[in-house]
């Protein structure tokens, strides 16, 4: 009787762990998935998921004070991969303006994604700081941008960096 109970407990435990693993890894992230993003005024902030290099302000006098390493969790990586792959980056032009109109100051957004042996870079130079997307593609692109930036800037690593040295008008 004890063996049956122990076997039942072990099977329940294995089933529970398998269920958790499937939920966490419900997205098949390609082994070669990585991305690079620049955002903010002049593309001042950057993140490279391959190396984990995160720069809060690349024009800072002492850039090393504004640089850290941030490695994505498997869950974050899966979430970003899902967003990026659903956006279908290959359908976007290399140079793109995802926003309607233009007001100063502006920002640069560069997103490079690599997976399944392919790489795509979408460059958005001098686009408005406003967030009024231009059509459904612009809305999708900005939603992906905003979520990636939110994940990065919500990290403890980002929060530990000093406030910006320079601000833009």
N, C-alpha and C. Protein backbone atom coordinates (compact mmCIF):
# COMPACT_ATOMS: atom_id res chain seq x y z
N UNK A 1 0.82 -1.19 0.00
CA UNK A 1 0.00 0.00 0.00
C UNK A 1 0.87 1.26 0.00
N UNK A 2 1.98 1.22 0.81
CA UNK A 2 2.87 2.38 0.86
C UNK A 2 3.50 2.63 -0.51
N UNK A 3 3.85 1.56 -1.21
CA UNK A 3 4.47 1.72 -2.54
C UNK A 3 3.50 2.38 -3.51
N UNK A 4 2.25 2.00 -3.45
CA UNK A 4 1.24 2.59 -4.34
C UNK A 4 1.10 4.08 -4.05
N UNK A 5 1.07 4.45 -2.79
CA UNK A 5 0.93 5.86 -2.41
C UNK A 5 2.17 6.64 -2.86
N UNK A 6 3.35 6.06 -2.62
CA UNK A 6 4.59 6.73 -3.03
C UNK A 6 4.63 6.88 -4.55
N UNK A 7 4.29 5.83 -5.28
CA UNK A 7 4.26 5.91 -6.74
C UNK A 7 3.26 6.95 -7.19
N UNK A 8 2.10 7.00 -6.56
CA UNK A 8 1.08 7.99 -6.91
C UNK A 8 1.58 9.40 -6.65
N UNK A 9 2.27 9.59 -5.52
CA UNK A 9 2.81 10.91 -5.20
C UNK A 9 3.90 11.32 -6.20
N UNK A 10 4.76 10.37 -6.55
CA UNK A 10 5.82 10.66 -7.52
C UNK A 10 5.21 11.01 -8.88
N UNK A 11 4.25 10.24 -9.31
CA UNK A 11 3.59 10.52 -10.59
C UNK A 11 2.89 11.87 -10.57
N UNK A 12 2.24 12.19 -9.45
CA UNK A 12 1.58 13.49 -9.32
C UNK A 12 2.60 14.62 -9.39
N UNK A 13 3.73 14.43 -8.70
CA UNK A 13 4.79 15.44 -8.71
C UNK A 13 5.36 15.61 -10.12
N UNK A 14 5.66 14.50 -10.80
CA UNK A 14 6.19 14.56 -12.16
C UNK A 14 5.19 15.23 -13.08
N UNK A 15 3.93 14.88 -12.98
CA UNK A 15 2.89 15.49 -13.82
C UNK A 15 2.79 16.99 -13.55
N UNK A 16 2.84 17.37 -12.27
CA UNK A 16 2.75 18.80 -11.92
C UNK A 16 3.94 19.57 -12.47
N UNK A 17 5.15 19.01 -12.31
CA UNK A 17 6.34 19.69 -12.83
C UNK A 17 6.30 19.79 -14.35
N UNK A 18 5.86 18.73 -15.01
CA UNK A 18 5.76 18.74 -16.46
C UNK A 18 4.77 19.80 -16.92
N UNK A 19 3.66 19.93 -16.20
CA UNK A 19 2.66 20.94 -16.55
C UNK A 19 3.24 22.33 -16.41
N UNK A 20 4.01 22.57 -15.35
CA UNK A 20 4.61 23.89 -15.14
C UNK A 20 5.63 24.19 -16.24
N UNK A 21 6.43 23.21 -16.58
CA UNK A 21 7.43 23.41 -17.62
C UNK A 21 6.75 23.73 -18.95
N UNK A 22 5.69 23.03 -19.27
CA UNK A 22 4.99 23.29 -20.52
C UNK A 22 4.39 24.70 -20.54
N UNK A 23 3.87 25.14 -19.40
CA UNK A 23 3.31 26.49 -19.34
C UNK A 23 4.40 27.54 -19.52
N UNK A 24 5.50 27.35 -18.84
CA UNK A 24 6.60 28.31 -18.93
C UNK A 24 7.20 28.30 -20.33
N UNK A 25 7.34 27.12 -20.89
CA UNK A 25 7.98 26.99 -22.20
C UNK A 25 6.98 26.72 -23.31
N UNK A 26 5.78 27.28 -23.20
CA UNK A 26 4.77 27.02 -24.22
C UNK A 26 5.15 27.64 -25.56
N UNK A 27 6.11 28.52 -25.56
CA UNK A 27 6.59 29.14 -26.79
C UNK A 27 7.93 28.51 -27.13
N UNK A 28 8.05 28.04 -28.34
CA UNK A 28 9.32 27.49 -28.80
C UNK A 28 10.18 28.64 -29.31
N UNK A 29 11.10 29.09 -28.48
CA UNK A 29 12.00 30.18 -28.85
C UNK A 29 13.20 29.57 -29.57
N UNK A 30 13.45 30.00 -30.81
CA UNK A 30 14.62 29.47 -31.53
C UNK A 30 15.90 29.73 -30.75
N UNK A 31 16.81 28.79 -30.79
CA UNK A 31 18.07 28.92 -30.05
C UNK A 31 18.86 30.15 -30.48
N UNK A 32 18.69 30.58 -31.74
CA UNK A 32 19.45 31.72 -32.23
C UNK A 32 18.71 33.06 -32.07
N UNK A 33 17.59 33.07 -31.34
CA UNK A 33 16.84 34.32 -31.18
C UNK A 33 17.62 35.30 -30.32
N UNK A 34 17.79 36.50 -30.84
CA UNK A 34 18.36 37.61 -30.09
C UNK A 34 17.88 38.90 -30.73
N UNK A 35 18.01 39.99 -30.00
CA UNK A 35 17.60 41.27 -30.56
C UNK A 35 18.47 42.38 -29.98
N UNK A 36 18.45 43.49 -30.69
CA UNK A 36 19.13 44.71 -30.28
C UNK A 36 18.11 45.82 -30.44
N UNK A 37 18.06 46.73 -29.46
CA UNK A 37 17.14 47.86 -29.56
C UNK A 37 17.84 49.13 -29.09
N UNK A 38 17.57 50.20 -29.83
CA UNK A 38 17.95 51.56 -29.43
C UNK A 38 16.65 52.34 -29.30
N UNK A 39 16.57 53.18 -28.29
CA UNK A 39 15.36 53.99 -28.13
C UNK A 39 15.71 55.28 -27.41
N UNK A 40 14.74 56.17 -27.36
CA UNK A 40 14.82 57.49 -26.72
C UNK A 40 15.43 58.51 -27.67
N UNK A 41 15.55 59.73 -27.18
CA UNK A 41 16.12 60.80 -28.00
C UNK A 41 17.48 60.37 -28.51
N UNK A 42 17.68 60.53 -29.80
CA UNK A 42 18.93 60.17 -30.45
C UNK A 42 19.34 58.71 -30.26
N UNK A 43 18.39 57.85 -29.91
CA UNK A 43 18.74 56.45 -29.67
C UNK A 43 19.70 56.30 -28.52
N UNK A 44 19.50 57.12 -27.49
CA UNK A 44 20.43 57.23 -26.37
C UNK A 44 20.54 55.97 -25.52
N UNK A 45 19.45 55.20 -25.42
CA UNK A 45 19.46 53.98 -24.62
C UNK A 45 19.55 52.78 -25.55
N UNK A 46 20.33 51.77 -25.14
CA UNK A 46 20.51 50.59 -25.99
C UNK A 46 20.50 49.32 -25.15
N UNK A 47 20.08 48.22 -25.79
CA UNK A 47 20.14 46.91 -25.15
C UNK A 47 20.42 45.85 -26.20
N UNK A 48 21.33 44.95 -25.88
CA UNK A 48 21.68 43.84 -26.76
C UNK A 48 21.42 42.54 -25.99
N UNK A 49 20.40 41.80 -26.40
CA UNK A 49 20.03 40.59 -25.66
C UNK A 49 21.08 39.49 -25.78
N UNK A 50 21.87 39.53 -26.82
CA UNK A 50 22.89 38.49 -27.01
C UNK A 50 23.98 38.59 -25.95
N UNK A 51 24.40 39.81 -25.65
CA UNK A 51 25.47 40.03 -24.67
C UNK A 51 24.93 40.46 -23.31
N UNK A 52 23.69 40.96 -23.28
CA UNK A 52 23.12 41.49 -22.05
C UNK A 52 23.55 42.92 -21.77
N UNK A 53 24.30 43.53 -22.69
CA UNK A 53 24.80 44.90 -22.47
C UNK A 53 23.65 45.89 -22.54
N UNK A 54 23.49 46.63 -21.46
CA UNK A 54 22.43 47.63 -21.34
C UNK A 54 23.06 48.98 -21.05
N UNK A 55 22.76 49.96 -21.90
CA UNK A 55 23.29 51.31 -21.73
C UNK A 55 22.12 52.26 -21.57
N UNK A 56 22.12 52.96 -20.45
CA UNK A 56 21.03 53.91 -20.19
C UNK A 56 21.22 55.20 -20.98
N UNK A 57 22.45 55.69 -21.04
CA UNK A 57 22.70 56.94 -21.77
C UNK A 57 24.09 56.87 -22.41
N UNK A 58 24.09 56.61 -23.72
CA UNK A 58 25.37 56.40 -24.39
C UNK A 58 26.17 57.68 -24.61
N UNK A 59 25.57 58.86 -24.38
CA UNK A 59 26.34 60.10 -24.50
C UNK A 59 26.84 60.60 -23.14
N UNK A 60 26.64 59.82 -22.09
CA UNK A 60 27.10 60.22 -20.76
C UNK A 60 28.62 60.41 -20.76
N UNK A 61 29.06 61.32 -19.93
CA UNK A 61 30.49 61.61 -19.83
C UNK A 61 31.27 60.35 -19.46
N UNK A 62 30.78 59.60 -18.50
CA UNK A 62 31.42 58.34 -18.09
C UNK A 62 30.42 57.22 -18.41
N UNK A 63 30.45 56.77 -19.65
CA UNK A 63 29.47 55.79 -20.11
C UNK A 63 29.47 54.52 -19.25
N UNK A 64 30.62 54.18 -18.67
CA UNK A 64 30.68 52.98 -17.84
C UNK A 64 29.76 53.07 -16.62
N UNK A 65 29.48 54.30 -16.16
CA UNK A 65 28.55 54.48 -15.04
C UNK A 65 27.10 54.23 -15.46
N UNK A 66 26.84 54.27 -16.75
CA UNK A 66 25.49 54.12 -17.29
C UNK A 66 25.33 52.80 -18.04
N UNK A 67 26.27 51.90 -17.82
CA UNK A 67 26.27 50.62 -18.51
C UNK A 67 26.23 49.49 -17.50
N UNK A 68 25.43 48.47 -17.80
CA UNK A 68 25.33 47.31 -16.93
C UNK A 68 25.03 46.08 -17.79
N UNK A 69 24.90 44.95 -17.14
CA UNK A 69 24.52 43.71 -17.82
C UNK A 69 23.15 43.29 -17.31
N UNK A 70 22.25 43.01 -18.23
CA UNK A 70 20.91 42.55 -17.90
C UNK A 70 20.59 41.36 -18.80
N UNK A 71 20.42 40.20 -18.18
CA UNK A 71 20.08 39.00 -18.94
C UNK A 71 18.60 38.70 -18.76
N UNK A 72 17.92 38.52 -19.86
CA UNK A 72 16.49 38.24 -19.83
C UNK A 72 16.23 36.87 -19.22
N UNK A 73 15.12 36.74 -18.50
CA UNK A 73 14.68 35.43 -18.04
C UNK A 73 14.12 34.67 -19.24
N UNK A 74 13.97 33.37 -19.11
CA UNK A 74 13.37 32.58 -20.19
C UNK A 74 11.97 33.08 -20.52
N UNK A 75 11.23 33.47 -19.49
CA UNK A 75 9.87 33.96 -19.69
C UNK A 75 9.87 35.27 -20.47
N UNK A 76 10.77 36.18 -20.11
CA UNK A 76 10.86 37.46 -20.81
C UNK A 76 11.27 37.25 -22.26
N UNK A 77 12.22 36.36 -22.47
CA UNK A 77 12.69 36.07 -23.82
C UNK A 77 11.55 35.49 -24.66
N UNK A 78 10.78 34.58 -24.08
CA UNK A 78 9.65 33.98 -24.79
C UNK A 78 8.59 35.02 -25.11
N UNK A 79 8.33 35.92 -24.16
CA UNK A 79 7.34 36.98 -24.39
C UNK A 79 7.77 37.90 -25.52
N UNK A 80 9.03 38.30 -25.50
CA UNK A 80 9.54 39.20 -26.54
C UNK A 80 9.57 38.49 -27.88
N UNK A 81 10.00 37.24 -27.90
CA UNK A 81 10.00 36.50 -29.16
C UNK A 81 8.60 36.41 -29.75
N UNK A 82 7.61 36.13 -28.91
CA UNK A 82 6.23 36.04 -29.37
C UNK A 82 5.77 37.37 -29.96
N UNK A 83 6.05 38.46 -29.28
CA UNK A 83 5.67 39.79 -29.78
C UNK A 83 6.34 40.08 -31.12
N UNK A 84 7.64 39.84 -31.18
CA UNK A 84 8.41 40.15 -32.39
C UNK A 84 7.95 39.27 -33.55
N UNK A 85 7.82 37.97 -33.32
CA UNK A 85 7.45 37.09 -34.43
C UNK A 85 6.02 37.36 -34.90
N UNK A 86 5.12 37.72 -33.99
CA UNK A 86 3.75 38.08 -34.39
C UNK A 86 3.70 39.40 -35.16
N UNK A 87 4.68 40.27 -34.90
CA UNK A 87 4.77 41.54 -35.63
C UNK A 87 5.18 41.30 -37.08
N UNK A 88 5.86 40.18 -37.34
CA UNK A 88 6.38 39.84 -38.67
C UNK A 88 7.33 40.92 -39.18
N UNK A 89 8.49 41.05 -38.53
CA UNK A 89 9.43 42.12 -38.89
C UNK A 89 9.84 42.12 -40.35
N UNK A 90 9.84 40.97 -40.97
CA UNK A 90 10.24 40.89 -42.39
C UNK A 90 9.30 41.66 -43.30
N UNK A 91 8.09 42.00 -42.82
CA UNK A 91 7.13 42.75 -43.64
C UNK A 91 7.31 44.27 -43.53
N UNK A 92 8.24 44.71 -42.69
CA UNK A 92 8.47 46.14 -42.50
C UNK A 92 9.63 46.60 -43.39
N UNK A 93 9.56 47.85 -43.85
CA UNK A 93 10.70 48.37 -44.62
C UNK A 93 11.90 48.57 -43.70
N UNK A 94 13.08 48.65 -44.29
CA UNK A 94 14.29 48.85 -43.50
C UNK A 94 14.29 50.20 -42.80
N UNK A 95 13.77 51.22 -43.47
CA UNK A 95 13.62 52.55 -42.88
C UNK A 95 12.14 52.82 -42.75
N UNK A 96 11.69 53.19 -41.55
CA UNK A 96 10.26 53.20 -41.25
C UNK A 96 9.92 54.31 -40.27
N UNK A 97 8.75 54.90 -40.43
CA UNK A 97 8.23 55.83 -39.44
C UNK A 97 6.89 55.28 -38.96
N UNK A 98 6.86 54.73 -37.74
CA UNK A 98 5.64 54.10 -37.24
C UNK A 98 4.60 55.09 -36.71
N UNK A 99 4.94 56.37 -36.68
CA UNK A 99 4.06 57.36 -36.05
C UNK A 99 3.55 58.39 -37.03
N UNK A 100 2.37 58.92 -36.73
CA UNK A 100 1.78 59.99 -37.55
C UNK A 100 2.41 61.32 -37.18
N UNK A 101 2.61 62.15 -38.17
CA UNK A 101 3.10 63.50 -37.92
C UNK A 101 4.49 63.51 -37.35
N UNK A 102 4.92 64.70 -36.97
CA UNK A 102 6.25 64.83 -36.40
C UNK A 102 6.36 66.11 -35.59
N UNK A 103 6.83 65.97 -34.38
CA UNK A 103 7.07 67.12 -33.53
C UNK A 103 8.43 66.97 -32.90
N UNK A 104 9.02 68.09 -32.53
CA UNK A 104 10.31 68.05 -31.85
C UNK A 104 10.06 68.01 -30.35
N UNK A 105 10.88 67.45 -29.55
CA UNK A 105 12.06 66.69 -29.96
C UNK A 105 11.66 65.35 -30.56
N UNK A 106 12.62 64.73 -31.18
CA UNK A 106 12.37 63.44 -31.82
C UNK A 106 13.20 62.36 -31.14
N UNK A 107 12.98 61.16 -31.59
CA UNK A 107 13.73 60.02 -31.07
C UNK A 107 14.11 59.10 -32.21
N UNK A 108 15.06 58.26 -31.95
CA UNK A 108 15.44 57.21 -32.88
C UNK A 108 15.04 55.87 -32.27
N UNK A 109 14.54 55.00 -33.11
CA UNK A 109 14.23 53.63 -32.68
C UNK A 109 14.88 52.71 -33.71
N UNK A 110 15.70 51.82 -33.22
CA UNK A 110 16.29 50.80 -34.10
C UNK A 110 16.06 49.45 -33.43
N UNK A 111 15.44 48.57 -34.16
CA UNK A 111 15.22 47.22 -33.65
C UNK A 111 15.80 46.24 -34.67
N UNK A 112 16.72 45.42 -34.19
CA UNK A 112 17.29 44.35 -35.01
C UNK A 112 16.92 43.04 -34.34
N UNK A 113 16.33 42.13 -35.10
CA UNK A 113 15.98 40.82 -34.57
C UNK A 113 16.61 39.74 -35.43
N UNK A 114 17.06 38.69 -34.78
CA UNK A 114 17.65 37.55 -35.48
C UNK A 114 17.02 36.28 -34.93
N UNK A 115 16.56 35.44 -35.83
CA UNK A 115 16.10 34.10 -35.46
C UNK A 115 15.90 33.28 -36.71
N UNK A 116 16.03 31.97 -36.52
CA UNK A 116 15.94 31.01 -37.63
C UNK A 116 16.88 31.38 -38.78
N UNK A 117 18.07 31.84 -38.41
CA UNK A 117 19.09 32.14 -39.40
C UNK A 117 18.87 33.43 -40.19
N UNK A 118 17.87 34.22 -39.83
CA UNK A 118 17.59 35.46 -40.56
C UNK A 118 17.70 36.65 -39.60
N UNK A 119 18.11 37.79 -40.15
CA UNK A 119 18.23 39.02 -39.38
C UNK A 119 17.49 40.13 -40.11
N UNK A 120 16.77 40.94 -39.35
CA UNK A 120 16.04 42.08 -39.91
C UNK A 120 16.27 43.28 -39.00
N UNK A 121 16.62 44.42 -39.59
CA UNK A 121 16.77 45.67 -38.86
C UNK A 121 15.74 46.66 -39.38
N UNK A 122 15.01 47.28 -38.45
CA UNK A 122 14.05 48.32 -38.78
C UNK A 122 14.57 49.59 -38.11
N UNK A 123 14.85 50.61 -38.92
CA UNK A 123 15.43 51.86 -38.43
C UNK A 123 14.41 52.97 -38.55
N UNK A 124 14.15 53.63 -37.44
CA UNK A 124 13.20 54.74 -37.39
C UNK A 124 13.95 55.96 -36.87
N UNK A 125 14.34 56.84 -37.76
CA UNK A 125 15.15 57.99 -37.38
C UNK A 125 14.30 59.25 -37.28
N UNK A 126 14.55 60.01 -36.23
CA UNK A 126 13.90 61.30 -36.02
C UNK A 126 12.38 61.22 -36.07
N UNK A 127 11.83 60.23 -35.36
CA UNK A 127 10.38 60.11 -35.29
C UNK A 127 9.88 60.83 -34.04
N UNK A 128 8.67 61.27 -34.09
CA UNK A 128 8.06 62.04 -33.01
C UNK A 128 8.12 61.29 -31.68
N UNK A 129 8.21 62.05 -30.60
CA UNK A 129 8.11 61.45 -29.28
C UNK A 129 6.67 61.06 -28.97
N UNK A 130 5.72 61.61 -29.73
CA UNK A 130 4.32 61.24 -29.54
C UNK A 130 4.11 59.79 -29.91
N UNK A 131 3.07 59.21 -29.39
CA UNK A 131 2.81 57.81 -29.65
C UNK A 131 1.50 57.61 -30.39
N UNK A 132 1.28 58.36 -31.47
CA UNK A 132 0.09 58.16 -32.29
C UNK A 132 0.51 57.31 -33.48
N UNK A 133 0.29 56.01 -33.39
CA UNK A 133 0.75 55.11 -34.46
C UNK A 133 0.07 55.38 -35.79
N UNK A 134 0.80 55.11 -36.85
CA UNK A 134 0.31 55.26 -38.21
C UNK A 134 -0.20 53.89 -38.69
N UNK A 135 -1.51 53.67 -38.57
CA UNK A 135 -2.13 52.43 -39.03
C UNK A 135 -1.85 51.25 -38.13
N UNK A 136 -2.30 50.08 -38.58
CA UNK A 136 -2.18 48.87 -37.76
C UNK A 136 -0.72 48.41 -37.64
N UNK A 137 0.07 48.59 -38.70
CA UNK A 137 1.49 48.21 -38.63
C UNK A 137 2.24 49.10 -37.63
N UNK A 138 1.95 50.39 -37.69
CA UNK A 138 2.58 51.32 -36.75
C UNK A 138 2.18 51.01 -35.32
N UNK A 139 0.92 50.67 -35.14
CA UNK A 139 0.42 50.33 -33.80
C UNK A 139 1.11 49.08 -33.27
N UNK A 140 1.24 48.07 -34.12
CA UNK A 140 1.89 46.82 -33.71
C UNK A 140 3.37 47.06 -33.40
N UNK A 141 4.05 47.81 -34.28
CA UNK A 141 5.47 48.10 -34.07
C UNK A 141 5.68 48.83 -32.75
N UNK A 142 4.87 49.86 -32.49
CA UNK A 142 5.04 50.64 -31.26
C UNK A 142 4.68 49.82 -30.03
N UNK A 143 3.72 48.92 -30.14
CA UNK A 143 3.37 48.06 -29.01
C UNK A 143 4.54 47.14 -28.66
N UNK A 144 5.21 46.60 -29.68
CA UNK A 144 6.38 45.75 -29.46
C UNK A 144 7.50 46.59 -28.83
N UNK A 145 7.77 47.75 -29.41
CA UNK A 145 8.78 48.68 -28.87
C UNK A 145 8.48 48.99 -27.40
N UNK A 146 7.25 49.40 -27.13
CA UNK A 146 6.89 49.82 -25.77
C UNK A 146 7.04 48.67 -24.77
N UNK A 147 6.65 47.47 -25.15
CA UNK A 147 6.74 46.33 -24.23
C UNK A 147 8.19 45.95 -23.97
N UNK A 148 9.01 45.94 -25.01
CA UNK A 148 10.43 45.63 -24.82
C UNK A 148 11.07 46.66 -23.90
N UNK A 149 10.81 47.94 -24.16
CA UNK A 149 11.37 49.01 -23.33
C UNK A 149 10.86 48.88 -21.89
N UNK A 150 9.59 48.53 -21.73
CA UNK A 150 9.02 48.37 -20.39
C UNK A 150 9.72 47.23 -19.64
N UNK A 151 9.95 46.12 -20.30
CA UNK A 151 10.63 44.98 -19.66
C UNK A 151 12.04 45.40 -19.23
N UNK A 152 12.74 46.10 -20.10
CA UNK A 152 14.11 46.51 -19.81
C UNK A 152 14.15 47.53 -18.67
N UNK A 153 13.32 48.56 -18.77
CA UNK A 153 13.36 49.65 -17.78
C UNK A 153 12.71 49.29 -16.46
N UNK A 154 12.01 48.16 -16.41
CA UNK A 154 11.45 47.67 -15.14
C UNK A 154 12.44 46.78 -14.40
N UNK A 155 13.53 46.44 -15.04
CA UNK A 155 14.50 45.53 -14.42
C UNK A 155 15.25 46.21 -13.27
N UNK A 156 15.69 45.41 -12.34
CA UNK A 156 16.49 45.91 -11.22
C UNK A 156 17.79 46.51 -11.74
N UNK A 157 18.33 45.94 -12.82
CA UNK A 157 19.59 46.43 -13.38
C UNK A 157 19.43 47.86 -13.90
N UNK A 158 18.34 48.12 -14.62
CA UNK A 158 18.08 49.48 -15.12
C UNK A 158 17.87 50.43 -13.94
N UNK A 159 17.07 50.00 -12.98
CA UNK A 159 16.74 50.85 -11.83
C UNK A 159 17.98 51.22 -11.02
N UNK A 160 19.00 50.36 -11.05
CA UNK A 160 20.23 50.62 -10.29
C UNK A 160 21.13 51.65 -10.97
N UNK A 161 20.88 51.93 -12.25
CA UNK A 161 21.71 52.91 -12.96
C UNK A 161 21.35 54.32 -12.50
N UNK A 162 22.29 55.27 -12.58
CA UNK A 162 22.00 56.65 -12.15
C UNK A 162 21.00 57.33 -13.09
N UNK A 163 20.41 58.42 -12.60
CA UNK A 163 19.53 59.22 -13.44
C UNK A 163 20.30 59.72 -14.65
N UNK A 164 19.58 60.08 -15.69
CA UNK A 164 20.22 60.59 -16.90
C UNK A 164 21.12 61.77 -16.56
N UNK A 165 22.28 61.82 -17.17
CA UNK A 165 23.19 62.94 -16.99
C UNK A 165 22.71 64.14 -17.80
N UNK A 166 22.20 63.88 -19.02
CA UNK A 166 21.75 64.95 -19.90
C UNK A 166 20.28 64.75 -20.23
N UNK A 167 19.56 65.84 -20.31
CA UNK A 167 18.16 65.83 -20.71
C UNK A 167 18.00 66.65 -21.97
N UNK A 168 16.95 66.35 -22.73
CA UNK A 168 16.71 67.04 -24.00
C UNK A 168 15.49 67.93 -23.87
N UNK A 169 15.52 69.04 -24.61
CA UNK A 169 14.37 69.96 -24.64
C UNK A 169 13.48 69.65 -25.82
